[in-house]
Amino acid sequence: MAEKKWVLLVSLAFIMVMSPLSSRIMDSAQVLHLNMGELASMVLGKFQFWATFNNGVDRGTVESRAIGPNMTACHHSYGRPDLLVYCCPPGFEKSVPFVDFEFPDPRSPVKVRRPAHLLDESFIVKYNKALSIMKSLPYDDPRSFARQAELHCQFCTGAYEQLNYSDTPVNIHRTWLFFPWHRMMIYFHERILGSLIGDDSFALPFWAWDIPEAMPMPDYYVNENSAFFHTERDFSHFPPRVADLAYSTDKNHPHLSNDEQIDVNLKFMYTQMVSGARKTELFMGCTYRANDGYCDTTGTVEQAPHNTLHTWIGSSLNPGREDMGKFYSAAKDPIFYAHHSNIDRLWEAWRKINNRRLDITDPDWLDSFFFFYDENLKLVKIKVRDVLDTTKLGYSFEEVDHPWLNHRPPPSVPPKQARQMLKLKENKNPVFVSDFRPDGRVLDGIFTVKVLRPMKRERKEEEEETIVVYGIEVKGNDYVKFDVYVNLSDETKMNPKFREFAGTFAHIPGGGDAMKKKMKLKLGVSELLKDLETDEDESIWVTVSPATVSCSNVSIEGIRIEYIE
């Protein structure tokens, strides 16, 4: 019986493959024969699909849904919703031999990545030399700066298909692969830079924009005579301007003094790294397995400061604030690597804060894999599980303080007073329901709704209460940002430096159809509710505040409370 099933599967696979091919052959007199290697490959591919989904596997085994790219299936992708781009590597159609990743010799000294603002002149000269050489390499060399930049375009716009799942793109952003994939990318970038100058100890610096003294853009990136300079940036944000980690746009965002901006940044970081990131999903992003079309939830730090700083750095003269303002072009700017080196450091900081108890153990995540060229021009297959210990990878981060740990935001108004003010407002202006389906609600202005909390269920102490803004639909090409507040009694105090701030939605459009689908924003608020003395209330007031003009192209289906164990 089993043999008959296998024969049937093979027959079906052959028919499905040959049917469209026969039509092509009959329709075109120019097609005289079919490459048998191509035919065999297509038949096997179809056969593998049916074997997976039609009982062709042992029911006693657990099917792996780890993600990997089909490196011979690359195509045009959307850098912006209105811009089709092509960033596939030359000759991708042919399979290239690869080697499995091996850790560096554990006896070798560990490289130390240093904060960019503390680098001495000798290191800057050395780094500038390495980057200049990388930029001078021909395009057909995968170690060249142009090819390094296109890696980000390929995997962050859906240019590659998933292995064994044609028409299902690989998208790194807005998924639990965001942190490990970027770690892989800059790890090999770092190794290549070191090899170009014959320095095995070379380590990428990190732009520590989360500590006060390092918040301005590092000086050497604005030196027009260096390889670090890039024309496609917002020059109004050059030093001594402090980075705005919660950036919306300059037009409708107040320009704070540097001291004021630093205070906001530190309290914003506390929300994104601590109180709003107390569960794995909230920090890492949503689960993303093979054959999943897309993810609908972004992690806290990826939303901001990651997306916000990409936008803050990019040029206001370009339609998508390219280069950093769009993922297809971001890695063309050398500052991308210092930015992501800090993102990499913050991943380690979050793991340490939580004593690694929130680390993902799902084999589908651990076994997801990608391919990168190393400094010896070898194509290397590397898995997520390979990049979870930076010491084994041969690098560490110079210790710097995390001042945001001590910047827990205070309530803008004493909680009891706020409750009275909100009650008066509710009596004068009844609050709308929090479910806006079927038509949704356009974010064309600030609005507040009353959201009921499921009080009758028995809640576990370790559960995290979350506000879920669901059915978020973004139209248009522009960067979108809106903020969410809880029990906000005074709209003049809408600011991340106050406890009422629950989190932000910062969206960079692009990446094809999958990235246009409806999204969710999940905000962990258990600590916030305690600080506002509303953790025992039957309901809370949730305010949504559009931060960009483009929010008029955004609609949501509703707001609810959920719990994450």
Protein backbone atom coordinates (compact mmCIF):
# COMPACT_ATOMS: atom_id res chain seq x y z
CA MET A 1 0.00 0.00 0.00
CA ALA A 2 2.80 2.39 0.92
CA GLU A 3 4.59 1.65 -2.37
CA LYS A 4 1.44 2.50 -4.32
CA LYS A 5 1.23 5.85 -2.55
CA TRP A 6 4.81 6.67 -3.50
CA VAL A 7 4.19 5.72 -7.14
CA LEU A 8 1.06 7.83 -7.20
CA LEU A 9 2.91 10.80 -5.75
CA VAL A 10 5.67 10.57 -8.33
CA SER A 11 3.13 10.24 -11.14
CA LEU A 12 1.17 13.24 -9.95
CA ALA A 13 4.33 15.27 -9.63
CA PHE A 14 5.38 14.38 -13.18
CA ILE A 15 1.96 15.29 -14.59
CA MET A 16 1.89 18.62 -12.77
CA VAL A 17 5.33 19.55 -14.06
CA MET A 18 4.82 18.37 -17.63
CA SER A 19 1.38 19.89 -18.11
CA PRO A 20 2.49 23.54 -18.34
CA LEU A 21 5.73 22.53 -20.06
CA SER A 22 3.85 20.66 -22.78
CA SER A 23 1.75 23.72 -23.38
CA ARG A 24 4.88 25.86 -23.67
CA ILE A 25 6.47 23.41 -26.10
CA MET A 26 3.39 23.26 -28.34
CA ASP A 27 2.86 27.02 -28.26
CA SER A 28 6.38 27.87 -29.36
CA ALA A 29 8.15 26.43 -32.39
CA GLN A 30 11.37 27.79 -30.93
CA VAL A 31 11.30 25.32 -28.05
CA LEU A 32 12.88 22.14 -29.43
CA HIS A 33 13.85 20.25 -26.32
CA LEU A 34 13.78 20.40 -22.54
CA ASN A 35 16.92 20.34 -20.45
CA MET A 36 16.66 17.03 -18.61
CA GLY A 37 18.53 18.36 -15.60
CA GLU A 38 15.93 21.11 -15.25
CA LEU A 39 13.12 18.59 -15.64
CA ALA A 40 14.57 16.29 -12.99
CA SER A 41 15.02 19.20 -10.62
CA MET A 42 11.45 20.38 -11.09
CA VAL A 43 10.00 16.89 -10.67
CA LEU A 44 11.97 16.35 -7.48
CA GLY A 45 10.86 19.71 -6.18
CA LYS A 46 7.21 18.90 -6.80
CA PHE A 47 7.70 15.42 -5.34
CA GLN A 48 9.22 16.87 -2.17
CA PHE A 49 6.24 19.19 -1.80
CA TRP A 50 3.74 16.35 -2.00
CA ALA A 51 5.86 14.12 0.21
CA THR A 52 5.67 16.77 2.88
CA PHE A 53 1.98 17.55 2.69
CA ASN A 54 0.44 14.27 1.53
CA ASN A 55 1.55 11.73 4.11
CA GLY A 56 4.88 11.17 2.41
CA VAL A 57 6.66 11.52 5.71
CA ASP A 58 6.80 9.32 8.74
CA ARG A 59 3.95 10.34 11.02
CA GLY A 60 6.18 9.58 13.98
CA THR A 61 8.63 12.37 13.15
CA VAL A 62 8.16 16.09 13.65
CA GLU A 63 8.40 18.02 10.41
CA SER A 64 10.94 20.82 10.47
CA ARG A 65 9.72 24.22 9.40
CA ALA A 66 13.05 25.97 9.67
CA ILE A 67 13.46 28.71 7.07
CA GLY A 68 16.20 28.83 4.49
CA PRO A 69 16.52 30.67 1.17
CA ASN A 70 16.50 29.08 -2.27
CA MET A 71 19.70 30.69 -3.50
CA THR A 72 18.84 29.92 -7.14
CA ALA A 73 15.44 31.65 -6.94
CA CYS A 74 15.99 35.41 -6.80
CA HIS A 75 13.88 38.05 -8.54
CA HIS A 76 12.88 41.69 -8.63
CA SER A 77 11.44 43.03 -5.39
CA TYR A 78 9.90 46.21 -4.07
CA GLY A 79 12.28 48.62 -2.35
CA ARG A 80 9.32 50.93 -1.86
CA PRO A 81 5.70 50.12 -2.65
CA ASP A 82 6.14 52.27 -5.79
CA LEU A 83 9.70 51.15 -6.70
CA LEU A 84 10.71 47.83 -8.21
CA VAL A 85 14.40 47.05 -7.60
CA TYR A 86 16.79 44.31 -8.66
CA CYS A 87 19.53 43.33 -6.21
CA CYS A 88 20.13 39.65 -7.06
CA PRO A 89 23.79 38.59 -7.19
CA PRO A 90 25.31 37.82 -10.60
CA GLY A 91 25.05 34.19 -11.65
CA PHE A 92 22.63 33.24 -8.88
CA GLU A 93 20.85 30.81 -11.22
CA LYS A 94 23.70 28.33 -10.88
CA SER A 95 24.23 26.41 -7.67
CA VAL A 96 27.44 27.28 -5.83
CA PRO A 97 29.25 24.81 -3.56
CA PHE A 98 29.11 25.79 0.10
CA VAL A 99 30.69 24.78 3.38
CA ASP A 100 29.07 24.52 6.79
CA PHE A 101 30.00 27.18 9.31
CA GLU A 102 32.85 26.43 11.69
CA PHE A 103 33.62 28.45 14.79
CA PRO A 104 36.93 30.30 14.96
CA ASP A 105 39.76 28.65 16.84
CA PRO A 106 38.80 29.05 20.54
CA ARG A 107 42.47 29.70 21.33
CA SER A 108 42.41 32.88 19.25
CA PRO A 109 42.03 36.20 21.10
CA VAL A 110 38.46 37.50 21.35
CA LYS A 111 37.87 40.66 19.31
CA VAL A 112 36.41 43.54 21.29
CA ARG A 113 33.89 45.81 19.59
CA ARG A 114 34.30 49.32 20.96
CA PRO A 115 31.86 52.25 21.14
CA ALA A 116 32.37 54.52 18.12
CA HIS A 117 32.68 57.70 20.19
CA LEU A 118 35.71 56.29 22.06
CA LEU A 119 37.78 55.20 19.06
CA ASP A 120 41.29 56.59 18.77
CA GLU A 121 42.71 58.09 15.58
CA SER A 122 44.82 55.04 14.74
CA PHE A 123 41.77 52.75 14.67
CA ILE A 124 39.77 55.21 12.56
CA VAL A 125 42.63 55.34 10.03
CA LYS A 126 42.79 51.54 9.96
CA TYR A 127 39.02 51.18 9.56
CA ASN A 128 38.98 53.84 6.84
CA LYS A 129 41.66 51.93 4.94
CA ALA A 130 39.75 48.65 5.16
CA LEU A 131 36.50 50.29 4.04
CA SER A 132 38.25 52.07 1.16
CA ILE A 133 39.69 48.78 -0.09
CA MET A 134 36.28 47.11 0.22
CA LYS A 135 34.70 49.93 -1.82
CA SER A 136 37.36 49.53 -4.51
CA LEU A 137 36.71 45.82 -5.09
CA PRO A 138 34.94 44.96 -8.36
CA TYR A 139 31.22 44.24 -8.29
CA ASP A 140 31.70 40.57 -9.18
CA ASP A 141 33.61 40.11 -5.92
CA PRO A 142 31.07 39.21 -3.19
CA ARG A 143 33.34 40.89 -0.62
CA SER A 144 32.88 44.29 -2.30
CA PHE A 145 30.98 46.99 -0.45
CA ALA A 146 28.32 47.11 -3.18
CA ARG A 147 27.66 43.39 -2.87
CA GLN A 148 27.65 43.59 0.92
CA ALA A 149 25.02 46.33 0.72
CA GLU A 150 22.85 44.28 -1.61
CA LEU A 151 22.65 41.44 0.88
CA HIS A 152 20.33 43.61 2.94
CA CYS A 153 18.25 44.42 -0.11
CA GLN A 154 17.92 40.74 -1.01
CA PHE A 155 16.74 39.51 2.36
CA CYS A 156 14.78 42.54 3.51
CA THR A 157 12.64 43.10 0.42
CA GLY A 158 11.64 39.51 -0.35
CA ALA A 159 13.95 38.99 -3.34
CA TYR A 160 14.65 35.34 -2.45
CA GLU A 161 12.12 32.55 -2.26
CA GLN A 162 12.03 30.12 0.63
CA LEU A 163 13.69 26.78 -0.04
CA ASN A 164 11.08 24.22 -1.23
CA TYR A 165 8.32 26.85 -1.19
CA SER A 166 8.25 28.74 -4.46
CA ASP A 167 6.37 32.04 -4.45
CA THR A 168 6.89 32.36 -0.68
CA PRO A 169 9.51 35.05 -0.07
CA VAL A 170 12.07 35.25 2.69
CA ASN A 171 11.59 38.43 4.72
CA ILE A 172 13.86 39.12 7.68
CA HIS A 173 12.17 42.18 9.10
CA ARG A 174 9.15 41.98 11.39
CA THR A 175 10.10 38.42 12.38
CA TRP A 176 12.06 36.51 15.02
CA LEU A 177 14.88 36.27 12.46
CA PHE A 178 15.59 40.01 12.61
CA PHE A 179 18.30 39.84 15.27
CA PRO A 180 20.16 36.66 14.23
CA TRP A 181 20.22 37.45 10.49
CA HIS A 182 21.68 40.92 11.04
CA ARG A 183 24.22 39.43 13.42
CA MET A 184 25.31 37.03 10.67
CA MET A 185 25.55 39.82 8.11
CA ILE A 186 27.77 42.15 10.14
CA TYR A 187 29.82 39.23 11.48
CA PHE A 188 31.00 38.27 7.99
CA HIS A 189 31.31 41.94 7.03
CA GLU A 190 33.64 42.40 9.99
CA ARG A 191 35.76 39.38 9.05
CA ILE A 192 36.11 40.59 5.46
CA LEU A 193 37.20 44.08 6.55
CA GLY A 194 39.86 42.62 8.83
CA SER A 195 41.22 40.34 6.13
CA LEU A 196 41.53 43.20 3.63
CA ILE A 197 44.09 44.88 5.88
CA GLY A 198 45.59 41.70 7.30
CA ASP A 199 44.30 42.34 10.82
CA ASP A 200 42.64 39.35 12.51
CA SER A 201 41.89 41.50 15.57
CA PHE A 202 39.74 44.02 13.68
CA ALA A 203 36.32 44.50 15.29
CA LEU A 204 33.44 46.67 14.11
CA PRO A 205 32.64 49.64 16.35
CA PHE A 206 29.10 50.21 17.60
CA TRP A 207 27.28 53.53 17.63
CA ALA A 208 26.02 53.54 21.23
CA TRP A 209 23.11 55.91 20.61
CA ASP A 210 21.44 54.68 23.81
CA ILE A 211 23.96 56.39 26.14
CA PRO A 212 24.05 60.21 26.47
CA GLU A 213 27.64 60.93 25.44
CA ALA A 214 27.28 58.84 22.28
CA MET A 215 23.87 59.96 21.02
CA PRO A 216 25.15 62.36 18.31
CA MET A 217 26.31 60.75 15.07
CA PRO A 218 30.02 59.80 15.43
CA ASP A 219 32.24 62.56 14.04
CA TYR A 220 34.19 60.45 11.58
CA TYR A 221 30.98 59.61 9.66
CA VAL A 222 30.59 63.27 8.69
CA ASN A 223 34.18 63.71 7.48
CA GLU A 224 33.77 64.38 3.75
CA ASN A 225 37.30 63.19 3.05
CA SER A 226 36.77 59.71 4.50
CA ALA A 227 35.23 56.48 3.26
CA PHE A 228 32.63 56.81 6.03
CA PHE A 229 30.96 59.86 4.52
CA HIS A 230 27.72 59.37 2.63
CA THR A 231 25.81 62.03 0.74
CA GLU A 232 22.34 60.51 1.16
CA ARG A 233 21.81 61.60 4.74
CA ASP A 234 19.86 64.33 6.51
CA PHE A 235 22.59 66.94 7.05
CA SER A 236 20.44 68.79 9.60
CA HIS A 237 20.92 65.80 11.89
CA PHE A 238 24.72 65.96 11.87
CA PRO A 239 26.62 66.56 15.14
CA PRO A 240 26.18 68.10 17.60
CA ARG A 241 22.50 67.19 17.10
CA VAL A 242 21.46 64.36 19.42
CA ALA A 243 19.74 61.40 17.76
CA ASP A 244 15.97 61.24 18.22
CA LEU A 245 15.27 57.59 19.08
CA ALA A 246 11.49 58.10 18.83
CA TYR A 247 11.70 60.12 15.59
CA SER A 248 8.58 60.88 13.58
CA THR A 249 9.37 63.77 11.23
CA ASP A 250 10.95 67.19 11.66
CA LYS A 251 7.84 68.97 10.38
CA ASN A 252 5.45 67.93 13.12
CA HIS A 253 7.92 66.95 15.83
CA PRO A 254 9.18 69.58 18.29
CA HIS A 255 12.89 70.26 18.17
CA LEU A 256 14.13 69.68 21.71
CA SER A 257 17.35 70.87 23.23
CA ASN A 258 20.05 68.21 23.43
CA ASP A 259 19.52 67.79 27.18
CA GLU A 260 15.76 67.41 26.73
CA GLN A 261 16.26 64.92 23.91
CA ILE A 262 18.65 62.83 26.00
CA ASP A 263 16.08 62.62 28.80
CA VAL A 264 13.35 61.51 26.39
CA ASN A 265 15.68 58.99 24.76
CA LEU A 266 16.65 57.32 28.03
CA LYS A 267 13.06 56.94 29.20
CA PHE A 268 12.02 55.74 25.77
CA MET A 269 14.78 53.10 25.88
CA TYR A 270 13.50 51.89 29.25
CA THR A 271 10.08 51.21 27.74
CA GLN A 272 11.47 49.50 24.64
CA MET A 273 14.11 47.40 26.42
CA VAL A 274 12.58 46.71 29.83
CA SER A 275 8.92 47.28 30.68
CA GLY A 276 7.63 46.73 27.15
CA ALA A 277 9.91 43.76 26.42
CA ARG A 278 9.22 41.33 29.25
CA LYS A 279 8.22 38.49 26.94
CA THR A 280 10.14 36.94 24.05
CA GLU A 281 7.56 37.74 21.39
CA LEU A 282 7.38 41.40 22.44
CA PHE A 283 11.12 41.88 21.94
CA MET A 284 12.01 39.40 19.18
CA GLY A 285 8.99 39.77 16.90
CA CYS A 286 6.54 37.17 15.73
CA THR A 287 7.14 33.50 15.02
CA TYR A 288 8.09 32.92 11.37
CA ARG A 289 8.28 29.40 9.97
CA ALA A 290 8.78 27.88 6.53
CA ASN A 291 5.85 28.52 4.19
CA ASP A 292 4.54 31.32 6.40
CA GLY A 293 3.70 34.13 4.03
CA TYR A 294 4.48 36.93 6.44
CA CYS A 295 4.69 38.01 10.07
CA ASP A 296 2.25 40.54 11.48
CA THR A 297 4.02 41.71 14.67
CA THR A 298 7.31 43.59 15.07
CA GLY A 299 9.49 43.52 18.19
CA THR A 300 9.94 46.60 20.37
CA VAL A 301 13.50 47.54 19.43
CA GLU A 302 12.98 46.79 15.75
CA GLN A 303 10.07 49.26 15.73
CA ALA A 304 12.17 51.83 17.54
CA PRO A 305 14.94 52.84 17.84
CA HIS A 306 15.80 50.63 14.82
CA ASN A 307 13.21 51.86 12.31
CA THR A 308 13.10 55.37 13.72
CA LEU A 309 16.87 55.87 13.47
CA HIS A 310 16.97 54.46 9.95
CA THR A 311 14.48 57.19 9.07
CA TRP A 312 16.22 59.91 11.11
CA ILE A 313 19.53 59.32 9.30
CA GLY A 314 18.12 59.09 5.75
CA SER A 315 17.91 62.12 3.48
CA SER A 316 14.74 64.23 3.59
CA LEU A 317 15.40 65.07 -0.09
CA ASN A 318 14.62 61.52 -1.21
CA PRO A 319 11.06 60.13 -1.49
CA GLY A 320 11.69 57.30 0.98
CA ARG A 321 14.42 59.09 2.94
CA GLU A 322 16.95 56.89 1.19
CA ASP A 323 19.47 55.55 1.74
CA MET A 324 19.03 54.59 5.40
CA GLY A 325 15.31 55.32 5.31
CA LYS A 326 14.52 52.29 3.13
CA PHE A 327 15.71 48.72 3.62
CA TYR A 328 16.64 48.16 -0.04
CA SER A 329 19.23 50.94 0.13
CA ALA A 330 20.11 51.18 3.85
CA ALA A 331 23.35 49.18 3.78
CA LYS A 332 24.82 51.50 1.14
CA ASP A 333 25.51 53.91 3.99
CA PRO A 334 28.57 52.91 6.07
CA ILE A 335 26.84 54.04 9.25
CA PHE A 336 24.41 51.13 8.80
CA TYR A 337 27.05 48.77 10.21
CA ALA A 338 27.71 50.82 13.35
CA HIS A 339 23.94 51.15 13.85
CA HIS A 340 23.43 47.40 13.59
CA SER A 341 26.46 46.62 15.69
CA ASN A 342 24.63 48.48 18.46
CA ILE A 343 21.40 46.62 17.73
CA ASP A 344 23.44 43.43 18.11
CA ARG A 345 24.79 44.66 21.46
CA LEU A 346 21.28 45.49 22.68
CA TRP A 347 20.12 41.96 21.86
CA GLU A 348 22.85 40.71 24.20
CA ALA A 349 21.90 43.32 26.81
CA TRP A 350 18.24 42.18 26.74
CA ARG A 351 19.27 38.56 27.09
CA LYS A 352 21.47 39.44 30.06
CA ILE A 353 18.78 41.57 31.75
CA ASN A 354 16.44 38.57 31.60
CA ASN A 355 19.13 36.03 32.59
CA ARG A 356 18.66 34.35 29.20
CA ARG A 357 15.43 32.77 30.44
CA LEU A 358 13.55 34.28 27.47
CA ASP A 359 15.90 32.80 24.85
CA ILE A 360 14.11 30.95 22.06
CA THR A 361 14.51 27.16 22.07
CA ASP A 362 12.22 26.36 19.15
CA PRO A 363 14.12 24.14 16.67
CA ASP A 364 12.46 25.86 13.71
CA TRP A 365 14.22 29.07 14.78
CA LEU A 366 17.48 27.41 15.79
CA ASP A 367 17.78 25.49 12.51
CA SER A 368 16.84 28.33 10.16
CA PHE A 369 19.85 29.07 7.97
CA PHE A 370 21.37 31.49 5.49
CA PHE A 371 24.40 31.79 3.25
CA PHE A 372 27.18 34.37 3.35
CA TYR A 373 30.55 34.69 1.64
CA ASP A 374 33.46 34.81 4.03
CA GLU A 375 36.82 36.56 3.73
CA ASN A 376 38.21 33.65 1.69
CA LEU A 377 35.43 33.83 -0.91
CA LYS A 378 33.86 30.64 0.45
CA LEU A 379 30.08 30.45 0.57
CA VAL A 380 29.17 29.50 4.14
CA LYS A 381 25.92 27.99 5.39
CA ILE A 382 25.24 29.25 8.89
CA LYS A 383 22.34 28.48 11.23
CA VAL A 384 20.70 30.63 13.88
CA ARG A 385 21.97 28.23 16.54
CA ASP A 386 25.53 29.07 15.41
CA VAL A 387 25.28 32.74 16.36
CA LEU A 388 23.89 32.63 19.89
CA ASP A 389 27.23 32.82 21.70
CA THR A 390 29.32 35.82 20.68
CA THR A 391 32.36 34.48 22.55
CA LYS A 392 32.33 31.33 20.42
CA LEU A 393 32.04 33.60 17.38
CA GLY A 394 35.19 35.31 18.58
CA TYR A 395 33.95 38.75 19.57
CA SER A 396 32.59 40.67 22.54
CA PHE A 397 31.45 44.20 23.32
CA GLU A 398 33.35 46.66 25.44
CA GLU A 399 31.31 47.18 28.58
CA VAL A 400 29.36 50.43 28.69
CA ASP A 401 26.72 51.58 31.12
CA HIS A 402 23.01 51.14 30.45
CA PRO A 403 21.74 54.39 31.98
CA TRP A 404 18.23 53.75 30.65
CA LEU A 405 17.84 50.97 33.23
CA ASN A 406 17.53 53.73 35.83
CA HIS A 407 15.13 55.93 33.84
CA ARG A 408 11.75 54.38 34.57
CA PRO A 409 9.26 57.01 33.39
CA PRO A 410 7.04 58.70 36.01
CA PRO A 411 3.32 59.40 35.53
CA SER A 412 2.68 62.85 34.03
CA VAL A 413 -0.21 63.36 36.47
CA PRO A 414 -0.70 61.68 39.86
CA PRO A 415 -2.76 58.52 39.12
CA LYS A 416 -5.71 59.36 41.41
CA GLN A 417 -5.99 62.83 39.92
CA ALA A 418 -5.73 61.37 36.41
CA ARG A 419 -8.58 58.95 37.13
CA GLN A 420 -10.86 61.80 38.22
CA MET A 421 -9.98 63.84 35.14
CA LEU A 422 -10.67 60.90 32.84
CA LYS A 423 -14.04 60.24 34.50
CA LEU A 424 -15.10 63.84 33.88
CA LYS A 425 -14.06 63.58 30.24
CA GLU A 426 -15.98 60.34 29.82
CA ASN A 427 -19.17 61.88 31.23
CA LYS A 428 -18.92 64.81 28.81
CA ASN A 429 -17.80 62.83 25.76
CA PRO A 430 -18.84 59.17 25.79
CA VAL A 431 -15.99 56.99 24.57
CA PHE A 432 -16.47 54.97 21.38
CA VAL A 433 -16.27 51.19 21.35
CA SER A 434 -12.80 49.70 20.76
CA ASP A 435 -13.79 47.42 17.85
CA PHE A 436 -14.06 49.32 14.57
CA ARG A 437 -14.80 46.43 12.25
CA PRO A 438 -15.86 45.93 9.50
CA ASP A 439 -14.81 49.29 8.06
CA GLY A 440 -11.98 50.15 10.45
CA ARG A 441 -11.00 53.56 11.75
CA VAL A 442 -8.69 55.93 9.87
CA LEU A 443 -5.94 57.51 11.95
CA ASP A 444 -6.66 61.07 10.86
CA GLY A 445 -6.50 62.47 14.40
CA ILE A 446 -6.01 61.67 18.07
CA PHE A 447 -8.72 59.50 19.61
CA THR A 448 -9.33 57.70 22.89
CA VAL A 449 -11.31 54.52 23.53
CA LYS A 450 -12.23 52.60 26.64
CA VAL A 451 -10.92 49.03 26.53
CA LEU A 452 -12.33 46.38 28.83
CA ARG A 453 -9.94 44.04 30.63
CA PRO A 454 -10.87 40.33 30.97
CA MET A 455 -11.20 40.45 34.76
CA LYS A 456 -13.10 37.20 35.26
CA ARG A 457 -10.30 34.94 34.10
CA GLU A 458 -7.66 33.73 36.55
CA ARG A 459 -4.43 35.51 35.69
CA LYS A 460 -1.02 34.01 36.37
CA GLU A 461 1.60 36.14 38.01
CA GLU A 462 4.11 35.62 35.20
CA GLU A 463 1.64 36.64 32.49
CA GLU A 464 2.21 39.89 30.64
CA GLU A 465 -0.82 42.02 29.92
CA THR A 466 -0.64 43.47 26.43
CA ILE A 467 -2.53 46.08 24.48
CA VAL A 468 -3.10 44.80 20.96
CA VAL A 469 -3.86 47.24 18.17
CA TYR A 470 -5.01 44.89 15.44
CA GLY A 471 -5.90 45.03 11.76
CA ILE A 472 -3.40 47.83 11.03
CA GLU A 473 -3.50 48.55 7.30
CA VAL A 474 -0.96 50.93 5.77
CA LYS A 475 -1.46 52.41 2.32
CA GLY A 476 0.98 54.59 0.44
CA ASN A 477 4.76 54.81 0.30
CA ASP A 478 5.60 56.99 3.30
CA TYR A 479 7.07 56.22 6.69
CA VAL A 480 4.30 55.85 9.26
CA LYS A 481 4.43 56.37 13.01
CA PHE A 482 1.79 56.55 15.71
CA ASP A 483 2.05 56.35 19.50
CA VAL A 484 -0.16 54.67 22.08
CA TYR A 485 -0.90 55.97 25.58
CA VAL A 486 -2.80 54.58 28.59
CA ASN A 487 -5.00 56.69 30.88
CA LEU A 488 -3.74 59.93 29.34
CA SER A 489 -5.52 62.75 31.13
CA ASP A 490 -3.58 65.70 29.65
CA GLU A 491 -2.88 65.64 25.89
CA THR A 492 -0.25 68.35 26.28
CA LYS A 493 1.91 65.75 28.03
CA MET A 494 2.01 63.16 25.28
CA ASN A 495 5.66 62.23 25.46
CA PRO A 496 7.68 59.00 25.85
CA LYS A 497 9.27 60.45 28.99
CA PHE A 498 5.99 59.85 30.88
CA ARG A 499 4.63 56.56 32.13
CA GLU A 500 1.39 56.89 30.16
CA PHE A 501 3.38 56.15 27.00
CA ALA A 502 2.81 52.46 26.15
CA GLY A 503 4.73 52.17 22.88
CA THR A 504 5.01 53.11 19.25
CA PHE A 505 4.25 51.81 15.77
CA ALA A 506 7.04 52.84 13.37
CA HIS A 507 6.66 51.35 9.90
CA ILE A 508 8.94 51.55 6.86
CA PRO A 509 6.89 50.44 3.81
CA GLY A 510 8.47 48.11 1.25
CA GLY A 511 9.15 44.43 0.69
CA GLY A 512 6.38 43.40 -1.66
CA ASP A 513 2.84 42.10 -1.15
CA ALA A 514 3.60 40.17 2.04
CA MET A 515 4.68 43.35 3.81
CA LYS A 516 1.49 45.16 2.76
CA LYS A 517 -0.78 42.86 4.73
CA LYS A 518 -2.51 43.84 7.94
CA MET A 519 -0.39 44.04 11.06
CA LYS A 520 -0.67 44.08 14.84
CA LEU A 521 1.04 46.19 17.45
CA LYS A 522 1.54 44.37 20.77
CA LEU A 523 2.55 46.45 23.78
CA GLY A 524 3.45 44.95 27.14
CA VAL A 525 1.85 47.08 29.86
CA SER A 526 1.80 45.10 33.13
CA GLU A 527 4.40 47.30 34.81
CA LEU A 528 2.87 50.44 33.30
CA LEU A 529 -0.57 49.60 34.74
CA LYS A 530 0.91 49.14 38.21
CA ASP A 531 2.74 52.44 38.00
CA LEU A 532 -0.51 54.17 36.98
CA GLU A 533 -2.36 52.35 39.79
CA THR A 534 -4.88 50.95 37.36
CA ASP A 535 -3.89 47.28 37.38
CA GLU A 536 -7.07 46.35 39.30
CA ASP A 537 -9.47 48.42 37.19
CA GLU A 538 -12.05 46.80 34.92
CA SER A 539 -11.06 48.96 31.96
CA ILE A 540 -8.41 51.36 30.74
CA TRP A 541 -8.44 54.35 28.43
CA VAL A 542 -6.25 53.92 25.38
CA THR A 543 -5.23 56.93 23.30
CA VAL A 544 -3.85 56.61 19.78
CA SER A 545 -1.87 59.61 18.59
CA PRO A 546 -0.77 59.90 14.92
CA ALA A 547 2.81 61.20 14.76
CA THR A 548 3.16 61.51 10.98
CA VAL A 549 0.90 63.07 8.35
CA SER A 550 0.97 59.72 6.54
CA CYS A 551 -1.24 58.24 9.29
CA SER A 552 -4.19 59.51 7.23
CA ASN A 553 -3.38 56.49 5.01
CA VAL A 554 -3.60 54.11 7.97
CA SER A 555 -6.64 52.35 9.41
CA ILE A 556 -7.07 49.95 12.33
CA GLU A 557 -9.75 47.39 13.09
CA GLY A 558 -9.65 47.71 16.85
CA ILE A 559 -7.89 47.56 20.22
CA ARG A 560 -8.09 44.76 22.79
CA ILE A 561 -6.31 43.27 25.79
CA GLU A 562 -4.47 39.94 25.57
CA TYR A 563 -2.18 38.02 27.92
CA ILE A 564 1.14 36.37 27.11
CA GLU A 565 2.37 33.57 29.37
